[in-house]
Amino acid sequence: MLIGRITAENEALVPIEIHGSDGQKAHIDATIDTGYNGFLTLPRALIDELELASVGPARAALGDGNEVRMELFLAAVRWENGLQDVLVLAAEGGVLLGMAMLLGCRLTLDVEAEGTVSIESLAQLRAVN
């Protein structure tokens, strides 16, 4: 289970560990964005610091409906007790964790200042029941 928190600005944050291509790691807070259907967005500076491998360009649809071309990278994220390869879009601003990352999980939010955010594996929950 992954535990995070709700900020005073009503953002749902979870701590994640991202691994680069040569063993570099970064521990960062990611904002859960249920309107984003990809895995992660990271700022270019962090992508460069982790030396993530480029996959090439990708088209991304923004919330306002506009399509933009963005660069796509490959990273590994510690997820459910292991490393999971994920696609990362280079985007300035905060780190966003999207719905592709949450596939197969239960997301629970206690939406209040300093409320709890929890992400649990559905497979593990079903194995217990």
Foldseek 3Di string as FASTA:
>chain_A
DWKFWQAQVRWTWTWKWKAADPGDIDTDIATEDAVAAFAKEDAPVVCVVRVFAWPAWDWDQDPVRDIDIWTKTWIWICDPNRTDIGIYTHDPDGMYGYDVNLVQWDWDWPRDHGTMIDIGGNVVVVVVD
